[in-house]
N, C-alpha and C. Protein backbone atom coordinates (compact mmCIF):
# COMPACT_ATOMS: atom_id res chain seq x y z
N MET A 1 0.84 -1.17 0.00
CA MET A 1 0.00 0.00 0.00
C MET A 1 0.88 1.24 0.00
N ASN A 2 0.49 2.21 -0.79
CA ASN A 2 1.14 3.52 -0.79
C ASN A 2 0.11 4.54 -0.31
N LYS A 3 0.60 5.65 0.23
CA LYS A 3 -0.32 6.67 0.71
C LYS A 3 0.35 8.03 0.67
N SER A 4 -0.48 9.06 0.74
CA SER A 4 0.06 10.40 0.84
C SER A 4 0.74 10.57 2.19
N GLU A 5 1.53 11.63 2.32
CA GLU A 5 2.27 11.85 3.56
C GLU A 5 1.34 11.88 4.77
N SER A 6 0.21 12.54 4.62
CA SER A 6 -0.80 12.57 5.68
C SER A 6 -2.06 11.87 5.17
N ILE A 7 -2.76 11.18 6.06
CA ILE A 7 -4.05 10.59 5.69
C ILE A 7 -5.14 11.01 6.69
N LYS A 8 -4.89 12.09 7.41
CA LYS A 8 -5.82 12.55 8.44
C LYS A 8 -7.20 12.84 7.84
N GLU A 9 -7.26 13.61 6.77
CA GLU A 9 -8.54 14.00 6.17
C GLU A 9 -9.24 12.82 5.50
N ILE A 10 -8.49 12.02 4.78
CA ILE A 10 -9.10 10.87 4.10
C ILE A 10 -9.58 9.83 5.12
N ALA A 11 -8.86 9.69 6.22
CA ALA A 11 -9.28 8.75 7.27
C ALA A 11 -10.60 9.21 7.89
N ALA A 12 -10.72 10.50 8.16
CA ALA A 12 -11.97 11.02 8.73
C ALA A 12 -13.12 10.86 7.74
N ALA A 13 -12.86 11.12 6.47
CA ALA A 13 -13.90 10.97 5.45
C ALA A 13 -14.31 9.51 5.30
N MET A 14 -13.34 8.60 5.36
CA MET A 14 -13.65 7.17 5.24
C MET A 14 -14.47 6.69 6.44
N ALA A 15 -14.18 7.20 7.62
CA ALA A 15 -14.96 6.81 8.80
C ALA A 15 -16.42 7.21 8.61
N LYS A 16 -16.66 8.40 8.10
CA LYS A 16 -18.03 8.86 7.85
C LYS A 16 -18.68 8.06 6.72
N PHE A 17 -17.92 7.82 5.66
CA PHE A 17 -18.43 7.03 4.54
C PHE A 17 -18.84 5.64 5.02
N GLN A 18 -17.97 4.97 5.78
CA GLN A 18 -18.25 3.61 6.22
C GLN A 18 -19.42 3.55 7.21
N ALA A 19 -19.65 4.63 7.95
CA ALA A 19 -20.80 4.66 8.85
C ALA A 19 -22.10 4.78 8.06
N ASP A 20 -22.02 5.32 6.87
CA ASP A 20 -23.19 5.61 6.03
C ASP A 20 -23.46 4.54 4.98
N VAL A 21 -22.43 3.87 4.49
CA VAL A 21 -22.57 2.94 3.37
C VAL A 21 -23.18 1.61 3.83
N LYS A 22 -23.92 1.01 2.94
CA LYS A 22 -24.48 -0.33 3.16
C LYS A 22 -23.83 -1.26 2.14
N ASN A 23 -23.69 -2.53 2.48
CA ASN A 23 -23.19 -3.48 1.50
C ASN A 23 -24.16 -3.53 0.32
N PRO A 24 -23.63 -3.61 -0.89
CA PRO A 24 -24.52 -3.68 -2.05
C PRO A 24 -25.34 -4.96 -2.06
N THR A 25 -26.48 -4.90 -2.72
CA THR A 25 -27.35 -6.06 -2.84
C THR A 25 -26.72 -7.08 -3.77
N ASN A 26 -26.70 -8.32 -3.34
CA ASN A 26 -26.18 -9.41 -4.16
C ASN A 26 -27.28 -9.84 -5.12
N SER A 27 -27.32 -9.19 -6.28
CA SER A 27 -28.42 -9.39 -7.22
C SER A 27 -28.09 -10.31 -8.39
N ALA A 28 -26.84 -10.69 -8.53
CA ALA A 28 -26.44 -11.58 -9.64
C ALA A 28 -26.03 -12.93 -9.07
N SER A 29 -26.20 -13.97 -9.88
CA SER A 29 -25.88 -15.33 -9.43
C SER A 29 -24.68 -15.87 -10.17
N ASN A 30 -23.83 -16.59 -9.43
CA ASN A 30 -22.73 -17.32 -10.01
C ASN A 30 -23.14 -18.79 -10.00
N PRO A 31 -23.58 -19.33 -11.15
CA PRO A 31 -24.07 -20.71 -11.16
C PRO A 31 -22.98 -21.74 -10.86
N PHE A 32 -21.72 -21.41 -11.13
CA PHE A 32 -20.63 -22.35 -10.90
C PHE A 32 -20.48 -22.65 -9.42
N PHE A 33 -20.50 -21.57 -8.59
CA PHE A 33 -20.33 -21.74 -7.14
C PHE A 33 -21.65 -21.67 -6.39
N LYS A 34 -22.75 -21.49 -7.13
CA LYS A 34 -24.08 -21.39 -6.50
C LYS A 34 -24.07 -20.31 -5.42
N SER A 35 -23.52 -19.15 -5.78
CA SER A 35 -23.46 -18.03 -4.85
C SER A 35 -24.01 -16.78 -5.53
N LYS A 36 -24.20 -15.75 -4.75
CA LYS A 36 -24.70 -14.48 -5.28
C LYS A 36 -23.64 -13.42 -5.04
N TYR A 37 -23.65 -12.41 -5.91
CA TYR A 37 -22.70 -11.31 -5.79
C TYR A 37 -23.32 -10.04 -6.34
N ALA A 38 -22.70 -8.92 -6.02
CA ALA A 38 -23.12 -7.62 -6.54
C ALA A 38 -22.25 -7.30 -7.75
N PRO A 39 -22.86 -7.06 -8.91
CA PRO A 39 -22.07 -6.69 -10.09
C PRO A 39 -21.37 -5.35 -9.90
N LEU A 40 -20.24 -5.18 -10.57
CA LEU A 40 -19.43 -3.97 -10.44
C LEU A 40 -20.26 -2.72 -10.69
N ASN A 41 -21.07 -2.71 -11.74
CA ASN A 41 -21.82 -1.50 -12.05
C ASN A 41 -22.79 -1.13 -10.92
N GLU A 42 -23.36 -2.12 -10.27
CA GLU A 42 -24.27 -1.82 -9.16
C GLU A 42 -23.52 -1.31 -7.93
N ILE A 43 -22.34 -1.86 -7.68
CA ILE A 43 -21.53 -1.37 -6.57
C ILE A 43 -21.18 0.10 -6.81
N LEU A 44 -20.71 0.39 -8.02
CA LEU A 44 -20.35 1.77 -8.35
C LEU A 44 -21.55 2.71 -8.23
N ASN A 45 -22.70 2.28 -8.72
CA ASN A 45 -23.91 3.11 -8.61
C ASN A 45 -24.29 3.35 -7.15
N ASP A 46 -24.07 2.35 -6.29
CA ASP A 46 -24.39 2.49 -4.87
C ASP A 46 -23.42 3.42 -4.14
N VAL A 47 -22.12 3.30 -4.42
CA VAL A 47 -21.13 4.01 -3.60
C VAL A 47 -20.76 5.40 -4.11
N ARG A 48 -20.91 5.66 -5.39
CA ARG A 48 -20.47 6.97 -5.91
C ARG A 48 -21.13 8.16 -5.22
N PRO A 49 -22.44 8.15 -4.98
CA PRO A 49 -23.03 9.32 -4.30
C PRO A 49 -22.47 9.52 -2.89
N LEU A 50 -22.24 8.44 -2.16
CA LEU A 50 -21.68 8.56 -0.81
C LEU A 50 -20.22 8.97 -0.84
N LEU A 51 -19.47 8.44 -1.79
CA LEU A 51 -18.08 8.88 -1.92
C LEU A 51 -18.04 10.39 -2.14
N ALA A 52 -18.86 10.88 -3.06
CA ALA A 52 -18.89 12.31 -3.36
C ALA A 52 -19.32 13.12 -2.14
N LYS A 53 -20.28 12.62 -1.39
CA LYS A 53 -20.78 13.30 -0.18
C LYS A 53 -19.65 13.59 0.79
N TYR A 54 -18.68 12.68 0.86
CA TYR A 54 -17.57 12.83 1.81
C TYR A 54 -16.26 13.25 1.15
N GLY A 55 -16.35 13.75 -0.08
CA GLY A 55 -15.16 14.26 -0.76
C GLY A 55 -14.20 13.19 -1.23
N LEU A 56 -14.72 11.99 -1.46
CA LEU A 56 -13.89 10.86 -1.87
C LEU A 56 -14.15 10.49 -3.32
N SER A 57 -13.17 9.90 -3.95
CA SER A 57 -13.33 9.34 -5.29
C SER A 57 -12.38 8.17 -5.44
N VAL A 58 -12.66 7.33 -6.44
CA VAL A 58 -11.88 6.13 -6.67
C VAL A 58 -11.46 6.09 -8.13
N LEU A 59 -10.23 5.66 -8.36
CA LEU A 59 -9.71 5.44 -9.69
C LEU A 59 -9.11 4.04 -9.72
N GLN A 60 -9.48 3.25 -10.71
CA GLN A 60 -8.92 1.90 -10.84
C GLN A 60 -8.23 1.77 -12.18
N MET A 61 -7.00 1.23 -12.13
CA MET A 61 -6.18 1.15 -13.32
C MET A 61 -5.76 -0.29 -13.59
N PRO A 62 -6.24 -0.86 -14.70
CA PRO A 62 -5.77 -2.20 -15.06
C PRO A 62 -4.43 -2.11 -15.79
N SER A 63 -3.62 -3.10 -15.58
CA SER A 63 -2.35 -3.26 -16.30
C SER A 63 -2.06 -4.75 -16.29
N GLY A 64 -0.88 -5.13 -16.67
CA GLY A 64 -0.54 -6.53 -16.62
C GLY A 64 0.63 -6.87 -17.50
N ASP A 65 0.83 -8.16 -17.65
CA ASP A 65 1.88 -8.68 -18.51
C ASP A 65 1.29 -9.81 -19.35
N ASP A 66 2.12 -10.65 -19.89
CA ASP A 66 1.64 -11.71 -20.78
C ASP A 66 0.79 -12.76 -20.09
N SER A 67 0.87 -12.86 -18.77
CA SER A 67 0.14 -13.93 -18.09
C SER A 67 -0.81 -13.46 -17.00
N GLU A 68 -0.71 -12.20 -16.56
CA GLU A 68 -1.52 -11.73 -15.45
C GLU A 68 -2.18 -10.39 -15.75
N VAL A 69 -3.30 -10.18 -15.10
CA VAL A 69 -3.98 -8.89 -15.07
C VAL A 69 -3.72 -8.29 -13.70
N HIS A 70 -3.38 -7.01 -13.65
CA HIS A 70 -3.14 -6.31 -12.39
C HIS A 70 -4.15 -5.18 -12.27
N ILE A 71 -4.72 -5.02 -11.09
CA ILE A 71 -5.65 -3.92 -10.82
C ILE A 71 -5.10 -3.12 -9.65
N THR A 72 -4.85 -1.84 -9.87
CA THR A 72 -4.42 -0.94 -8.81
C THR A 72 -5.57 0.02 -8.55
N THR A 73 -5.91 0.19 -7.28
CA THR A 73 -7.03 1.05 -6.90
C THR A 73 -6.50 2.22 -6.09
N LEU A 74 -6.92 3.41 -6.48
CA LEU A 74 -6.49 4.64 -5.83
C LEU A 74 -7.73 5.30 -5.22
N LEU A 75 -7.71 5.47 -3.91
CA LEU A 75 -8.77 6.17 -3.19
C LEU A 75 -8.26 7.58 -2.91
N MET A 76 -9.01 8.58 -3.36
CA MET A 76 -8.56 9.97 -3.25
C MET A 76 -9.55 10.79 -2.43
N HIS A 77 -9.03 11.83 -1.79
CA HIS A 77 -9.85 12.77 -1.04
C HIS A 77 -9.66 14.16 -1.61
N GLU A 78 -10.69 14.98 -1.49
CA GLU A 78 -10.62 16.34 -2.05
C GLU A 78 -9.49 17.17 -1.45
N SER A 79 -8.96 16.78 -0.32
CA SER A 79 -7.83 17.47 0.31
C SER A 79 -6.52 17.22 -0.44
N GLY A 80 -6.52 16.24 -1.32
CA GLY A 80 -5.30 15.84 -2.01
C GLY A 80 -4.67 14.60 -1.41
N GLU A 81 -5.17 14.16 -0.27
CA GLU A 81 -4.67 12.92 0.33
C GLU A 81 -5.17 11.73 -0.46
N TRP A 82 -4.41 10.64 -0.40
CA TRP A 82 -4.75 9.45 -1.18
C TRP A 82 -4.18 8.19 -0.55
N ILE A 83 -4.81 7.07 -0.89
CA ILE A 83 -4.34 5.74 -0.50
C ILE A 83 -4.40 4.87 -1.75
N GLU A 84 -3.30 4.22 -2.07
CA GLU A 84 -3.22 3.36 -3.25
C GLU A 84 -2.99 1.92 -2.82
N SER A 85 -3.81 1.01 -3.35
CA SER A 85 -3.65 -0.41 -3.02
C SER A 85 -2.43 -0.98 -3.72
N CYS A 86 -1.93 -2.06 -3.18
CA CYS A 86 -0.97 -2.87 -3.92
C CYS A 86 -1.73 -3.48 -5.09
N PRO A 87 -1.07 -3.74 -6.20
CA PRO A 87 -1.80 -4.33 -7.32
C PRO A 87 -2.37 -5.70 -6.97
N LEU A 88 -3.63 -5.89 -7.32
CA LEU A 88 -4.26 -7.20 -7.24
C LEU A 88 -3.87 -7.92 -8.52
N LYS A 89 -3.24 -9.07 -8.40
CA LYS A 89 -2.73 -9.80 -9.56
C LYS A 89 -3.53 -11.08 -9.75
N MET A 90 -4.00 -11.27 -10.99
CA MET A 90 -4.81 -12.46 -11.30
C MET A 90 -4.41 -13.02 -12.65
N LYS A 91 -4.56 -14.31 -12.77
CA LYS A 91 -4.33 -14.99 -14.03
C LYS A 91 -5.71 -15.21 -14.67
N PRO A 92 -5.95 -14.64 -15.86
CA PRO A 92 -7.25 -14.85 -16.51
C PRO A 92 -7.47 -16.33 -16.83
N ALA A 93 -8.74 -16.75 -16.77
CA ALA A 93 -9.07 -18.14 -17.10
C ALA A 93 -8.68 -18.45 -18.54
N LYS A 94 -8.86 -17.49 -19.42
CA LYS A 94 -8.46 -17.62 -20.82
C LYS A 94 -7.68 -16.37 -21.21
N ASN A 95 -6.62 -16.55 -21.96
CA ASN A 95 -5.81 -15.41 -22.38
C ASN A 95 -6.30 -14.89 -23.72
N ASP A 96 -7.55 -14.42 -23.72
CA ASP A 96 -8.13 -13.78 -24.89
C ASP A 96 -8.84 -12.52 -24.41
N PRO A 97 -9.32 -11.67 -25.32
CA PRO A 97 -9.94 -10.42 -24.86
C PRO A 97 -11.08 -10.61 -23.86
N GLN A 98 -11.91 -11.62 -24.05
CA GLN A 98 -13.01 -11.85 -23.12
C GLN A 98 -12.51 -12.29 -21.75
N GLY A 99 -11.52 -13.18 -21.73
CA GLY A 99 -10.95 -13.63 -20.46
C GLY A 99 -10.27 -12.51 -19.71
N ILE A 100 -9.53 -11.69 -20.44
CA ILE A 100 -8.84 -10.56 -19.82
C ILE A 100 -9.86 -9.54 -19.31
N GLY A 101 -10.88 -9.25 -20.12
CA GLY A 101 -11.93 -8.31 -19.69
C GLY A 101 -12.66 -8.81 -18.46
N SER A 102 -12.95 -10.09 -18.43
CA SER A 102 -13.62 -10.68 -17.27
C SER A 102 -12.75 -10.57 -16.02
N ALA A 103 -11.46 -10.84 -16.16
CA ALA A 103 -10.54 -10.73 -15.01
C ALA A 103 -10.45 -9.29 -14.52
N ILE A 104 -10.45 -8.33 -15.44
CA ILE A 104 -10.41 -6.91 -15.05
C ILE A 104 -11.65 -6.55 -14.24
N THR A 105 -12.83 -6.94 -14.75
CA THR A 105 -14.07 -6.63 -14.03
C THR A 105 -14.10 -7.30 -12.67
N TYR A 106 -13.74 -8.57 -12.62
CA TYR A 106 -13.70 -9.33 -11.37
C TYR A 106 -12.74 -8.67 -10.38
N GLY A 107 -11.55 -8.36 -10.85
CA GLY A 107 -10.55 -7.73 -10.00
C GLY A 107 -10.97 -6.37 -9.51
N ARG A 108 -11.58 -5.58 -10.38
CA ARG A 108 -12.05 -4.26 -9.97
C ARG A 108 -13.10 -4.38 -8.87
N ARG A 109 -14.00 -5.34 -9.01
CA ARG A 109 -15.06 -5.53 -8.01
C ARG A 109 -14.46 -5.87 -6.65
N TYR A 110 -13.54 -6.82 -6.63
CA TYR A 110 -12.92 -7.22 -5.36
C TYR A 110 -12.06 -6.10 -4.78
N ALA A 111 -11.27 -5.44 -5.60
CA ALA A 111 -10.38 -4.39 -5.11
C ALA A 111 -11.18 -3.19 -4.59
N LEU A 112 -12.27 -2.85 -5.29
CA LEU A 112 -13.11 -1.74 -4.85
C LEU A 112 -13.75 -2.06 -3.51
N ALA A 113 -14.32 -3.25 -3.38
CA ALA A 113 -14.94 -3.65 -2.12
C ALA A 113 -13.91 -3.63 -0.99
N ALA A 114 -12.71 -4.08 -1.26
CA ALA A 114 -11.67 -4.14 -0.23
C ALA A 114 -11.26 -2.74 0.24
N ILE A 115 -11.01 -1.84 -0.69
CA ILE A 115 -10.53 -0.51 -0.28
C ILE A 115 -11.62 0.30 0.40
N LEU A 116 -12.90 -0.01 0.08
CA LEU A 116 -14.01 0.71 0.71
C LEU A 116 -14.52 0.03 1.98
N GLY A 117 -14.05 -1.18 2.24
CA GLY A 117 -14.47 -1.89 3.45
C GLY A 117 -15.90 -2.40 3.37
N ILE A 118 -16.33 -2.81 2.17
CA ILE A 118 -17.67 -3.36 1.99
C ILE A 118 -17.56 -4.79 1.49
N SER A 119 -18.68 -5.50 1.49
CA SER A 119 -18.72 -6.87 0.98
C SER A 119 -19.63 -6.91 -0.24
N SER A 120 -19.17 -7.56 -1.30
CA SER A 120 -19.94 -7.58 -2.53
C SER A 120 -20.39 -8.97 -2.95
N GLU A 121 -20.33 -9.93 -2.02
CA GLU A 121 -20.80 -11.28 -2.34
C GLU A 121 -21.12 -12.03 -1.07
N ASP A 122 -21.81 -13.16 -1.24
CA ASP A 122 -22.10 -14.01 -0.09
C ASP A 122 -20.80 -14.47 0.53
N ASP A 123 -20.75 -14.53 1.83
CA ASP A 123 -19.57 -15.00 2.55
C ASP A 123 -19.69 -16.50 2.75
N ASP A 124 -18.77 -17.25 2.17
CA ASP A 124 -18.81 -18.71 2.31
C ASP A 124 -17.84 -19.20 3.39
N ASP A 125 -17.32 -18.26 4.19
CA ASP A 125 -16.42 -18.59 5.28
C ASP A 125 -15.15 -19.29 4.80
N GLY A 126 -14.72 -18.97 3.56
CA GLY A 126 -13.49 -19.53 3.02
C GLY A 126 -13.61 -20.93 2.47
N ASN A 127 -14.80 -21.47 2.38
CA ASN A 127 -14.96 -22.86 1.94
C ASN A 127 -14.52 -23.08 0.50
N VAL A 128 -14.84 -22.16 -0.41
CA VAL A 128 -14.45 -22.36 -1.80
C VAL A 128 -12.93 -22.32 -1.93
N ALA A 129 -12.30 -21.36 -1.27
CA ALA A 129 -10.84 -21.26 -1.35
C ALA A 129 -10.16 -22.45 -0.69
N THR A 130 -10.74 -22.95 0.37
CA THR A 130 -10.12 -24.05 1.11
C THR A 130 -10.43 -25.41 0.51
N HIS A 131 -11.70 -25.62 0.15
CA HIS A 131 -12.14 -26.95 -0.26
C HIS A 131 -12.51 -27.05 -1.74
N GLY A 132 -12.55 -25.92 -2.44
CA GLY A 132 -12.86 -25.95 -3.87
C GLY A 132 -14.32 -26.09 -4.19
N LYS A 133 -15.19 -26.01 -3.20
CA LYS A 133 -16.61 -26.06 -3.48
C LYS A 133 -17.35 -25.23 -2.44
N SER A 134 -18.51 -24.78 -2.83
CA SER A 134 -19.31 -23.96 -1.94
C SER A 134 -20.10 -24.84 -1.00
N ASP A 135 -20.19 -24.43 0.26
CA ASP A 135 -21.00 -25.13 1.25
C ASP A 135 -22.21 -24.27 1.52
N PRO A 136 -23.38 -24.63 0.95
CA PRO A 136 -24.55 -23.78 1.10
C PRO A 136 -24.89 -23.51 2.56
N ALA A 137 -24.65 -24.44 3.45
CA ALA A 137 -24.97 -24.22 4.86
C ALA A 137 -24.14 -23.07 5.44
N SER A 138 -22.91 -22.93 4.96
CA SER A 138 -22.05 -21.89 5.52
C SER A 138 -22.37 -20.51 4.98
N THR A 139 -23.12 -20.42 3.87
CA THR A 139 -23.44 -19.12 3.30
C THR A 139 -24.72 -18.53 3.87
N GLN A 140 -25.43 -19.31 4.68
CA GLN A 140 -26.65 -18.79 5.27
C GLN A 140 -26.28 -17.84 6.42
N ARG A 141 -26.93 -16.72 6.41
CA ARG A 141 -26.68 -15.73 7.45
C ARG A 141 -27.69 -15.92 8.57
N PRO A 142 -27.27 -15.65 9.81
CA PRO A 142 -28.21 -15.72 10.92
C PRO A 142 -29.34 -14.72 10.71
N GLN A 143 -30.52 -15.08 11.11
CA GLN A 143 -31.69 -14.19 10.95
C GLN A 143 -31.78 -13.22 12.09
């Protein structure tokens, strides 16, 4: 992570933003993992007005090399302060324009949610990453 010399103003703005923001609605389905997630466009539509309310904005820059897509996310404040994420590095499922585009969108969604402190998908408690399959019982939230 990189940041401006001071983050006093951006930290205060983020505290207010996070007190006001709600996790986006998981309106899209991933049939492969039988899970739900919030599409990038819906996350952006949800958070942009609140970011602006607190003098915040986000810039995401894709880059990469022959085998990976990299997404760097820059959170900025009207004071000039900023916080930049380390690049999120991913290997596209297919090395063609559609695979690369899909990896960029996927990476942007995850990186945006991370830097804003929100969740954009059902929480499977790490089951997919650990066991390679979704455990529907673990994705149920307490009522």
